[in-house]
C-alpha atoms as a PDB file:
ATOM      1  CA  UNK A   1     214.689 -39.392-119.406  1.00  0.00           C
ATOM      2  CA  UNK A   2     214.438 -36.341-116.996  1.00  0.00           C
ATOM      3  CA  UNK A   3     217.752 -34.672-115.951  1.00  0.00           C
ATOM      4  CA  UNK A   4     217.778 -32.848-112.659  1.00  0.00           C
ATOM      5  CA  UNK A   5     220.437 -30.057-113.036  1.00  0.00           C
ATOM      6  CA  UNK A   6     220.943 -29.767-109.289  1.00  0.00           C
ATOM      7  CA  UNK A   7     222.927 -31.399-106.596  1.00  0.00           C
ATOM      8  CA  UNK A   8     220.271 -30.548-103.947  1.00  0.00           C
ATOM      9  CA  UNK A   9     219.274 -33.651-101.880  1.00  0.00           C
ATOM     10  CA  UNK A  10     216.071 -31.956-101.122  1.00  0.00           C
ATOM     11  CA  UNK A  11     214.973 -31.722-104.714  1.00  0.00           C
ATOM     12  CA  UNK A  12     216.137 -35.340-105.252  1.00  0.00           C
ATOM     13  CA  UNK A  13     213.935 -36.416-102.453  1.00  0.00           C
ATOM     14  CA  UNK A  14     211.005 -34.627-103.677  1.00  0.00           C
ATOM     15  CA  UNK A  15     211.281 -36.173-107.097  1.00  0.00           C
ATOM     16  CA  UNK A  16     211.944 -39.761-105.573  1.00  0.00           C
ATOM     17  CA  UNK A  17     208.772 -39.225-103.294  1.00  0.00           C
ATOM     18  CA  UNK A  18     206.563 -38.789-106.388  1.00  0.00           C
ATOM     19  CA  UNK A  19     208.120 -41.780-108.169  1.00  0.00           C
ATOM     20  CA  UNK A  20     209.532 -39.741-110.888  1.00  0.00           C
ATOM     21  CA  UNK A  21     212.516 -41.351-112.794  1.00  0.00           C
ATOM     22  CA  UNK A  22     215.495 -39.134-113.250  1.00  0.00           C
ATOM     23  CA  UNK A  23     219.092 -38.792-113.182  1.00  0.00           C
ATOM     24  CA  UNK A  24     221.284 -35.913-111.698  1.00  0.00           C
ATOM     25  CA  UNK A  25     223.768 -34.133-113.820  1.00  0.00           C
ATOM     26  CA  UNK A  26     224.802 -30.670-112.765  1.00  0.00           C
ATOM     27  CA  UNK A  27     227.435 -28.002-113.716  1.00  0.00           C
ATOM     28  CA  UNK A  28     229.233 -25.530-111.616  1.00  0.00           C
ATOM     29  CA  UNK A  29     227.559 -22.298-112.605  1.00  0.00           C
ATOM     30  CA  UNK A  30     228.116 -19.114-110.896  1.00  0.00           C
ATOM     31  CA  UNK A  31     224.985 -17.756-109.551  1.00  0.00           C
ATOM     32  CA  UNK A  32     223.640 -14.231-110.231  1.00  0.00           C
ATOM     33  CA  UNK A  33     223.552 -12.136-106.955  1.00  0.00           C
ATOM     34  CA  UNK A  34     222.290  -8.926-108.424  1.00  0.00           C
ATOM     35  CA  UNK A  35     220.117  -7.593-105.483  1.00  0.00           C
ATOM     36  CA  UNK A  36     218.767  -4.915-107.777  1.00  0.00           C
ATOM     37  CA  UNK A  37     216.776  -7.549-109.744  1.00  0.00           C
ATOM     38  CA  UNK A  38     213.221  -8.453-108.555  1.00  0.00           C
ATOM     39  CA  UNK A  39     213.185 -11.569-106.478  1.00  0.00           C
ATOM     40  CA  UNK A  40     211.316 -13.613-109.273  1.00  0.00           C
ATOM     41  CA  UNK A  41     213.770 -12.537-111.998  1.00  0.00           C
ATOM     42  CA  UNK A  42     216.881 -13.215-109.898  1.00  0.00           C
ATOM     43  CA  UNK A  43     215.636 -16.850-109.163  1.00  0.00           C
ATOM     44  CA  UNK A  44     214.539 -17.389-112.897  1.00  0.00           C
ATOM     45  CA  UNK A  45     217.937 -16.312-114.210  1.00  0.00           C
ATOM     46  CA  UNK A  46     219.764 -18.646-111.885  1.00  0.00           C
ATOM     47  CA  UNK A  47     217.330 -21.561-112.577  1.00  0.00           C
ATOM     48  CA  UNK A  48     217.862 -20.880-116.353  1.00  0.00           C
ATOM     49  CA  UNK A  49     221.794 -20.822-116.136  1.00  0.00           C
ATOM     50  CA  UNK A  50     221.718 -24.036-114.251  1.00  0.00           C
ATOM     51  CA  UNK A  51     219.486 -25.889-116.597  1.00  0.00           C
ATOM     52  CA  UNK A  52     221.111 -24.496-119.956  1.00  0.00           C
ATOM     53  CA  UNK A  53     224.481 -25.466-118.696  1.00  0.00           C
ATOM     54  CA  UNK A  54     223.389 -29.171-118.727  1.00  0.00           C
ATOM     55  CA  UNK A  55     220.888 -28.962-121.646  1.00  0.00           C
ATOM     56  CA  UNK A  56     223.491 -27.875-124.117  1.00  0.00           C
ATOM     57  CA  UNK A  57     225.105 -31.371-123.645  1.00  0.00           C
ATOM     58  CA  UNK A  58     221.808 -33.274-123.624  1.00  0.00           C
ATOM     59  CA  UNK A  59     219.449 -31.827-126.101  1.00  0.00           C
ATOM     60  CA  UNK A  60     217.219 -34.990-126.469  1.00  0.00           C
ATOM     61  CA  UNK A  61     216.313 -34.878-122.767  1.00  0.00           C
ATOM     62  CA  UNK A  62     214.053 -33.013-120.418  1.00  0.00           C
ATOM     63  CA  UNK A  63     216.495 -30.907-118.158  1.00  0.00           C
ATOM     64  CA  UNK A  64     215.073 -29.216-115.021  1.00  0.00           C
ATOM     65  CA  UNK A  65     217.031 -26.426-113.220  1.00  0.00           C
ATOM     66  CA  UNK A  66     215.698 -24.636-110.049  1.00  0.00           C
ATOM     67  CA  UNK A  67     216.660 -21.873-107.818  1.00  0.00           C
ATOM     68  CA  UNK A  68     215.162 -21.202-104.422  1.00  0.00           C
ATOM     69  CA  UNK A  69     215.713 -17.986-102.445  1.00  0.00           C
ATOM     70  CA  UNK A  70     214.246 -16.584 -99.208  1.00  0.00           C
ATOM     71  CA  UNK A  71     213.185 -12.964 -99.404  1.00  0.00           C
ATOM     72  CA  UNK A  72     212.614 -10.691 -96.449  1.00  0.00           C
ATOM     73  CA  UNK A  73     211.483  -7.264 -97.304  1.00  0.00           C
ATOM     74  CA  UNK A  74     212.631  -7.802-100.839  1.00  0.00           C
ATOM     75  CA  UNK A  75     216.078  -8.637 -99.819  1.00  0.00           C
ATOM     76  CA  UNK A  76     217.471 -12.112-100.815  1.00  0.00           C
ATOM     77  CA  UNK A  77     218.747 -14.084 -97.921  1.00  0.00           C
ATOM     78  CA  UNK A  78     220.897 -16.929 -99.537  1.00  0.00           C
ATOM     79  CA  UNK A  79     222.852 -19.477 -97.788  1.00  0.00           C
ATOM     80  CA  UNK A  80     224.612 -18.458 -94.666  1.00  0.00           C
ATOM     81  CA  UNK A  81     228.316 -18.281 -94.874  1.00  0.00           C
ATOM     82  CA  UNK A  82     228.827 -19.588 -91.200  1.00  0.00           C
ATOM     83  CA  UNK A  83     226.756 -20.018 -88.051  1.00  0.00           C
ATOM     84  CA  UNK A  84     227.013 -16.440 -87.044  1.00  0.00           C
ATOM     85  CA  UNK A  85     225.411 -15.412 -90.290  1.00  0.00           C
ATOM     86  CA  UNK A  86     222.724 -18.187 -89.863  1.00  0.00           C
ATOM     87  CA  UNK A  87     221.961 -16.736 -86.386  1.00  0.00           C
ATOM     88  CA  UNK A  88     221.651 -13.427 -87.766  1.00  0.00           C
ATOM     89  CA  UNK A  89     219.198 -14.514 -90.617  1.00  0.00           C
ATOM     90  CA  UNK A  90     217.085 -16.513 -88.111  1.00  0.00           C
ATOM     91  CA  UNK A  91     216.938 -13.532 -85.740  1.00  0.00           C
ATOM     92  CA  UNK A  92     215.759 -11.385 -88.693  1.00  0.00           C
ATOM     93  CA  UNK A  93     213.171 -13.845 -89.846  1.00  0.00           C
ATOM     94  CA  UNK A  94     211.753 -14.705 -86.297  1.00  0.00           C
ATOM     95  CA  UNK A  95     208.159 -13.421 -85.661  1.00  0.00           C
ATOM     96  CA  UNK A  96     207.903 -12.266 -89.309  1.00  0.00           C
ATOM     97  CA  UNK A  97     206.538 -13.350 -92.515  1.00  0.00           C
ATOM     98  CA  UNK A  98     208.799 -13.811 -95.590  1.00  0.00           C
ATOM     99  CA  UNK A  99     208.660 -15.088 -99.263  1.00  0.00           C
ATOM    100  CA  UNK A 100     210.228 -18.138-100.635  1.00  0.00           C
ATOM    101  CA  UNK A 101     210.647 -17.928-104.363  1.00  0.00           C
ATOM    102  CA  UNK A 102     211.525 -21.071-106.457  1.00  0.00           C
ATOM    103  CA  UNK A 103     212.054 -20.651-110.135  1.00  0.00           C
ATOM    104  CA  UNK A 104     212.139 -23.625-112.280  1.00  0.00           C
ATOM    105  CA  UNK A 105     213.439 -23.747-115.888  1.00  0.00           C
ATOM    106  CA  UNK A 106     212.487 -26.860-118.025  1.00  0.00           C
ATOM    107  CA  UNK A 107     214.414 -27.354-121.206  1.00  0.00           C
ATOM    108  CA  UNK A 108     212.343 -29.856-123.412  1.00  0.00           C
ATOM    109  CA  UNK A 109     213.808 -31.960-126.134  1.00  0.00           C
ATOM    110  CA  UNK A 110     214.194 -30.010-129.200  1.00  0.00           C
ATOM    111  CA  UNK A 111     214.926 -26.757-127.302  1.00  0.00           C
ATOM    112  CA  UNK A 112     211.438 -25.595-126.116  1.00  0.00           C
ATOM    113  CA  UNK A 113     211.508 -23.928-122.713  1.00  0.00           C
ATOM    114  CA  UNK A 114     208.807 -24.027-120.155  1.00  0.00           C
ATOM    115  CA  UNK A 115     209.700 -21.895-117.095  1.00  0.00           C
ATOM    116  CA  UNK A 116     207.615 -20.998-114.102  1.00  0.00           C
ATOM    117  CA  UNK A 117     208.020 -19.447-110.623  1.00  0.00           C
ATOM    118  CA  UNK A 118     206.229 -20.286-107.438  1.00  0.00           C
ATOM    119  CA  UNK A 119     205.936 -18.064-104.293  1.00  0.00           C
ATOM    120  CA  UNK A 120     205.118 -19.144-100.810  1.00  0.00           C
ATOM    121  CA  UNK A 121     204.705 -17.088 -97.671  1.00  0.00           C
ATOM    122  CA  UNK A 122     206.173 -18.378 -94.480  1.00  0.00           C
ATOM    123  CA  UNK A 123     205.729 -17.013 -91.011  1.00  0.00           C
ATOM    124  CA  UNK A 124     208.266 -17.789 -88.222  1.00  0.00           C
ATOM    125  CA  UNK A 125     207.359 -18.081 -84.555  1.00  0.00           C
ATOM    126  CA  UNK A 126     208.766 -15.666 -82.126  1.00  0.00           C
ATOM    127  CA  UNK A 127     212.080 -16.982 -81.074  1.00  0.00           C
ATOM    128  CA  UNK A 128     214.625 -16.356 -78.326  1.00  0.00           C
ATOM    129  CA  UNK A 129     218.298 -16.662 -78.598  1.00  0.00           C
ATOM    130  CA  UNK A 130     218.067 -20.039 -76.844  1.00  0.00           C
ATOM    131  CA  UNK A 131     215.392 -21.153 -79.332  1.00  0.00           C
ATOM    132  CA  UNK A 132     217.728 -20.185 -82.254  1.00  0.00           C
ATOM    133  CA  UNK A 133     220.639 -21.948 -80.761  1.00  0.00           C
ATOM    134  CA  UNK A 134     218.524 -25.033 -80.209  1.00  0.00           C
ATOM    135  CA  UNK A 135     217.437 -25.010 -83.856  1.00  0.00           C
ATOM    136  CA  UNK A 136     220.956 -24.544 -85.019  1.00  0.00           C
ATOM    137  CA  UNK A 137     222.107 -27.492 -82.920  1.00  0.00           C
ATOM    138  CA  UNK A 138     219.442 -29.721 -84.433  1.00  0.00           C
ATOM    139  CA  UNK A 139     219.675 -28.778 -88.044  1.00  0.00           C
ATOM    140  CA  UNK A 140     222.679 -28.315 -90.428  1.00  0.00           C
ATOM    141  CA  UNK A 141     221.722 -24.905 -92.047  1.00  0.00           C
ATOM    142  CA  UNK A 142     224.669 -23.784 -93.844  1.00  0.00           C
ATOM    143  CA  UNK A 143     223.613 -25.188 -97.284  1.00  0.00           C
ATOM    144  CA  UNK A 144     220.024 -23.731 -97.003  1.00  0.00           C
ATOM    145  CA  UNK A 145     218.739 -20.501 -98.178  1.00  0.00           C
ATOM    146  CA  UNK A 146     217.590 -18.280 -95.269  1.00  0.00           C
ATOM    147  CA  UNK A 147     219.446 -20.631 -92.819  1.00  0.00           C
ATOM    148  CA  UNK A 148     216.523 -23.155 -92.364  1.00  0.00           C
ATOM    149  CA  UNK A 149     215.093 -26.225 -93.587  1.00  0.00           C
ATOM    150  CA  UNK A 150     211.266 -26.864 -93.923  1.00  0.00           C
ATOM    151  CA  UNK A 151     211.614 -30.446 -93.970  1.00  0.00           C
ATOM    152  CA  UNK A 152     213.855 -30.560 -90.780  1.00  0.00           C
ATOM    153  CA  UNK A 153     212.271 -29.591 -87.383  1.00  0.00           C
ATOM    154  CA  UNK A 154     210.333 -26.774 -88.852  1.00  0.00           C
ATOM    155  CA  UNK A 155     207.909 -27.114 -85.964  1.00  0.00           C
ATOM    156  CA  UNK A 156     210.563 -25.439 -83.875  1.00  0.00           C
ATOM    157  CA  UNK A 157     210.596 -22.240 -85.970  1.00  0.00           C
ATOM    158  CA  UNK A 158     207.630 -22.081 -88.538  1.00  0.00           C
ATOM    159  CA  UNK A 159     204.158 -20.861 -87.423  1.00  0.00           C
ATOM    160  CA  UNK A 160     202.459 -21.165 -90.841  1.00  0.00           C
ATOM    161  CA  UNK A 161     202.918 -21.597 -94.463  1.00  0.00           C
ATOM    162  CA  UNK A 162     200.704 -20.140 -97.150  1.00  0.00           C
ATOM    163  CA  UNK A 163     201.328 -21.688-100.418  1.00  0.00           C
ATOM    164  CA  UNK A 164     203.201 -24.849-101.590  1.00  0.00           C
ATOM    165  CA  UNK A 165     205.317 -26.539 -98.958  1.00  0.00           C
ATOM    166  CA  UNK A 166     207.338 -28.271-101.547  1.00  0.00           C
ATOM    167  CA  UNK A 167     208.185 -24.906-102.977  1.00  0.00           C
ATOM    168  CA  UNK A 168     209.645 -23.855 -99.602  1.00  0.00           C
ATOM    169  CA  UNK A 169     211.644 -27.240 -99.575  1.00  0.00           C
ATOM    170  CA  UNK A 170     213.032 -26.427-103.002  1.00  0.00           C
ATOM    171  CA  UNK A 171     211.012 -27.749-105.836  1.00  0.00           C
ATOM    172  CA  UNK A 172     207.323 -27.209-106.403  1.00  0.00           C
ATOM    173  CA  UNK A 173     206.483 -30.757-107.685  1.00  0.00           C
ATOM    174  CA  UNK A 174     202.818 -30.312-108.560  1.00  0.00           C
ATOM    175  CA  UNK A 175     203.525 -27.304-110.746  1.00  0.00           C
ATOM    176  CA  UNK A 176     206.495 -29.239-112.342  1.00  0.00           C
ATOM    177  CA  UNK A 177     204.262 -32.123-113.114  1.00  0.00           C
ATOM    178  CA  UNK A 178     201.616 -29.924-114.597  1.00  0.00           C
ATOM    179  CA  UNK A 179     204.390 -28.137-116.752  1.00  0.00           C
ATOM    180  CA  UNK A 180     205.765 -31.468-118.050  1.00  0.00           C
ATOM    181  CA  UNK A 181     202.303 -32.851-118.989  1.00  0.00           C
ATOM    182  CA  UNK A 182     201.100 -29.598-120.812  1.00  0.00           C
END
């Protein structure tokens, strides 16, 4: 049985869409927020912490932990603390390209680990203050890294994606399946 060590509804939806059988068991684990770490390492450490906190209690199962962050000019943009913070993030992202990094830690039965990191580049459209307010009125963003959701009204803000769109949503399913089958 695969255990998803995440409460993210987006990750659950991605797994369900592929017909993958799983259950959700997560632990409240403090995230590493060390901005001095390279983006991929920061995501990888958080994914491993999430997965290991569950895997220790379920050594005979596959446990998958993931962490997704938006990076602009190497600076992590986590989840906004409030709508003002979300406005600030979207203003910074507008008319620019940023990186979305998802690290996945897979704990296999018996203790083997299979970890990977996926990067995608997302370019935002130019947006006025009115455009940002319209997007914020349409999409709840306070639980989303970078203050946006690729799967919700992205046509209002996203110009293009180079890379895995599932990665931008929060879990690169194709890479996860390759990792599980290797």
